[in-house]
């Protein structure tokens, strides 16, 4: 899968667009090493979006989001 940038996009916004979460920002950056020093994108840059695990590991959640049972 790929994503094409819009003027002003940043890594976290692109992760949100591609995966619905900013938690995959590091994976998106790692998959696009040619753009690792880019902070704000111009329009029309095509980036690779690697497959990521959908589940959020329970230990990575902050205490107020953990389900108590």
N, C-alpha and C. Protein backbone atom coordinates (compact mmCIF):
# COMPACT_ATOMS: atom_id res chain seq x y z
N UNK A 1 0.85 -1.17 0.00
CA UNK A 1 0.00 0.00 0.00
C UNK A 1 0.90 1.23 0.00
N UNK A 2 0.44 2.29 -0.63
CA UNK A 2 1.16 3.55 -0.63
C UNK A 2 0.22 4.68 -0.23
N UNK A 3 0.81 5.82 0.11
CA UNK A 3 0.04 7.01 0.42
C UNK A 3 0.75 8.17 -0.28
N UNK A 4 -0.02 9.09 -0.83
CA UNK A 4 0.53 10.26 -1.50
C UNK A 4 0.30 11.48 -0.63
N UNK A 5 1.36 12.23 -0.41
CA UNK A 5 1.28 13.37 0.49
C UNK A 5 0.55 14.56 -0.12
N UNK A 6 0.07 15.40 0.78
CA UNK A 6 -0.54 16.68 0.46
C UNK A 6 0.37 17.73 1.11
N UNK A 7 0.50 18.89 0.51
CA UNK A 7 1.34 19.96 1.06
C UNK A 7 1.06 20.15 2.56
N UNK A 8 2.12 20.09 3.35
CA UNK A 8 1.98 20.31 4.79
C UNK A 8 1.85 19.04 5.62
N UNK A 9 1.71 17.89 4.97
CA UNK A 9 1.64 16.62 5.72
C UNK A 9 2.90 16.41 6.53
N UNK A 10 2.73 15.81 7.70
CA UNK A 10 3.86 15.41 8.54
C UNK A 10 3.69 13.93 8.85
N UNK A 11 4.76 13.30 9.35
CA UNK A 11 4.74 11.86 9.55
C UNK A 11 3.57 11.38 10.38
N UNK A 12 3.28 12.06 11.48
CA UNK A 12 2.20 11.60 12.34
C UNK A 12 0.84 11.70 11.67
N UNK A 13 0.64 12.75 10.89
CA UNK A 13 -0.62 12.90 10.16
C UNK A 13 -0.75 11.82 9.08
N UNK A 14 0.35 11.49 8.44
CA UNK A 14 0.33 10.43 7.41
C UNK A 14 0.04 9.07 8.04
N UNK A 15 0.59 8.81 9.22
CA UNK A 15 0.30 7.57 9.92
C UNK A 15 -1.18 7.48 10.27
N UNK A 16 -1.73 8.61 10.73
CA UNK A 16 -3.16 8.67 11.05
C UNK A 16 -4.01 8.39 9.81
N UNK A 17 -3.64 8.97 8.67
CA UNK A 17 -4.38 8.74 7.41
C UNK A 17 -4.29 7.28 6.96
N UNK A 18 -3.09 6.73 7.03
CA UNK A 18 -2.86 5.37 6.50
C UNK A 18 -3.40 4.28 7.41
N UNK A 19 -3.23 4.46 8.73
CA UNK A 19 -3.54 3.38 9.67
C UNK A 19 -4.62 3.71 10.68
N UNK A 20 -5.04 4.97 10.72
CA UNK A 20 -6.03 5.36 11.70
C UNK A 20 -5.45 5.62 13.08
N UNK A 21 -4.12 5.68 13.16
CA UNK A 21 -3.45 5.88 14.45
C UNK A 21 -2.04 6.43 14.22
N UNK A 22 -1.59 7.25 15.13
CA UNK A 22 -0.22 7.76 15.05
C UNK A 22 0.79 6.76 15.61
N UNK A 23 0.32 5.67 16.20
CA UNK A 23 1.23 4.70 16.81
C UNK A 23 2.15 4.03 15.79
N UNK A 24 1.83 4.11 14.51
CA UNK A 24 2.63 3.46 13.48
C UNK A 24 3.57 4.43 12.75
N UNK A 25 3.75 5.61 13.31
CA UNK A 25 4.61 6.61 12.69
C UNK A 25 6.03 6.07 12.48
N UNK A 26 6.59 5.40 13.47
CA UNK A 26 7.95 4.86 13.35
C UNK A 26 8.06 3.84 12.23
N UNK A 27 7.06 2.99 12.07
CA UNK A 27 7.07 2.00 11.00
C UNK A 27 7.00 2.67 9.63
N UNK A 28 6.23 3.73 9.53
CA UNK A 28 6.10 4.47 8.27
C UNK A 28 7.43 5.14 7.92
N UNK A 29 8.07 5.74 8.89
CA UNK A 29 9.38 6.38 8.65
C UNK A 29 10.41 5.33 8.25
N UNK A 30 10.45 4.21 8.94
CA UNK A 30 11.42 3.16 8.65
C UNK A 30 11.25 2.59 7.24
N UNK A 31 10.03 2.57 6.74
CA UNK A 31 9.75 2.03 5.41
C UNK A 31 10.12 3.02 4.29
N UNK A 32 10.46 4.25 4.66
CA UNK A 32 10.75 5.29 3.67
C UNK A 32 12.03 6.03 4.01
N UNK A 33 13.17 5.32 4.02
CA UNK A 33 14.43 5.92 4.46
C UNK A 33 14.90 7.10 3.61
N UNK A 34 14.48 7.19 2.37
CA UNK A 34 14.87 8.31 1.51
C UNK A 34 14.30 9.63 2.00
N UNK A 35 13.26 9.56 2.83
CA UNK A 35 12.58 10.77 3.33
C UNK A 35 12.76 10.96 4.83
N UNK A 36 13.73 10.27 5.41
CA UNK A 36 13.87 10.28 6.87
C UNK A 36 14.13 11.68 7.44
N UNK A 37 14.72 12.55 6.66
CA UNK A 37 15.01 13.91 7.14
C UNK A 37 13.91 14.92 6.78
N UNK A 38 12.83 14.44 6.20
CA UNK A 38 11.72 15.32 5.85
C UNK A 38 10.77 15.44 7.04
N UNK A 39 10.46 16.67 7.40
CA UNK A 39 9.54 16.90 8.52
C UNK A 39 8.17 17.35 8.01
N UNK A 40 8.18 18.21 7.01
CA UNK A 40 6.95 18.70 6.39
C UNK A 40 7.05 18.40 4.91
N UNK A 41 6.08 17.64 4.40
CA UNK A 41 6.12 17.20 3.01
C UNK A 41 5.49 18.20 2.05
N UNK A 42 5.99 18.20 0.84
CA UNK A 42 5.31 18.89 -0.25
C UNK A 42 4.28 17.91 -0.81
N UNK A 43 3.45 18.37 -1.71
CA UNK A 43 2.42 17.48 -2.26
C UNK A 43 3.01 16.55 -3.31
N UNK A 44 2.41 15.39 -3.43
CA UNK A 44 2.77 14.45 -4.48
C UNK A 44 3.86 13.46 -4.17
N UNK A 45 4.34 13.40 -2.93
CA UNK A 45 5.36 12.42 -2.57
C UNK A 45 4.64 11.10 -2.26
N UNK A 46 5.07 10.03 -2.92
CA UNK A 46 4.45 8.72 -2.72
C UNK A 46 5.31 7.94 -1.72
N UNK A 47 4.69 7.52 -0.64
CA UNK A 47 5.38 6.78 0.42
C UNK A 47 4.84 5.37 0.53
N UNK A 48 5.72 4.43 0.86
CA UNK A 48 5.31 3.06 1.11
C UNK A 48 4.73 2.96 2.51
N UNK A 49 3.65 2.21 2.64
CA UNK A 49 3.02 1.96 3.94
C UNK A 49 3.13 0.47 4.23
N UNK A 50 4.01 0.09 5.15
CA UNK A 50 4.18 -1.33 5.44
C UNK A 50 2.96 -1.91 6.16
N UNK A 51 2.80 -3.21 6.03
CA UNK A 51 1.74 -3.89 6.78
C UNK A 51 2.12 -3.83 8.24
N UNK A 52 1.16 -3.54 9.09
CA UNK A 52 1.41 -3.47 10.53
C UNK A 52 0.37 -4.31 11.26
N UNK A 53 0.75 -4.71 12.46
CA UNK A 53 -0.17 -5.47 13.31
C UNK A 53 -1.28 -4.54 13.77
N UNK A 54 -2.52 -4.99 13.68
CA UNK A 54 -3.66 -4.17 14.05
C UNK A 54 -3.83 -4.01 15.56
N UNK A 55 -3.46 -5.03 16.30
CA UNK A 55 -3.70 -4.99 17.75
C UNK A 55 -2.69 -4.10 18.45
N UNK A 56 -3.16 -3.38 19.44
CA UNK A 56 -2.30 -2.58 20.29
C UNK A 56 -1.94 -3.43 21.49
N UNK A 57 -0.65 -3.68 21.73
CA UNK A 57 -0.28 -4.49 22.90
C UNK A 57 -0.81 -3.86 24.18
N UNK A 58 -1.46 -4.63 25.05
CA UNK A 58 -2.08 -4.08 26.25
C UNK A 58 -1.11 -3.31 27.14
N UNK A 59 0.14 -3.73 27.20
CA UNK A 59 1.11 -3.06 28.05
C UNK A 59 1.53 -1.69 27.51
N UNK A 60 1.20 -1.38 26.27
CA UNK A 60 1.59 -0.10 25.71
C UNK A 60 0.55 0.99 25.98
N UNK A 61 -0.60 0.59 26.52
CA UNK A 61 -1.64 1.57 26.81
C UNK A 61 -1.33 2.33 28.11
N UNK A 62 -1.67 3.61 28.17
CA UNK A 62 -1.51 4.32 29.43
C UNK A 62 -2.51 3.77 30.45
N UNK A 63 -2.23 3.93 31.74
CA UNK A 63 -3.09 3.34 32.78
C UNK A 63 -4.57 3.69 32.66
N UNK A 64 -4.90 4.91 32.25
CA UNK A 64 -6.31 5.30 32.20
C UNK A 64 -7.05 4.69 31.02
N UNK A 65 -6.33 4.04 30.08
CA UNK A 65 -7.01 3.38 28.96
C UNK A 65 -7.08 1.87 29.12
N UNK A 66 -6.44 1.32 30.14
CA UNK A 66 -6.46 -0.11 30.34
C UNK A 66 -7.81 -0.54 30.91
N UNK A 67 -8.31 -1.67 30.41
CA UNK A 67 -9.58 -2.21 30.87
C UNK A 67 -9.33 -3.02 32.12
N UNK A 68 -10.10 -2.73 33.12
CA UNK A 68 -9.98 -3.48 34.37
C UNK A 68 -11.11 -4.50 34.45
N UNK A 69 -10.79 -5.67 34.88
CA UNK A 69 -11.82 -6.69 34.90
C UNK A 69 -11.89 -7.51 36.12
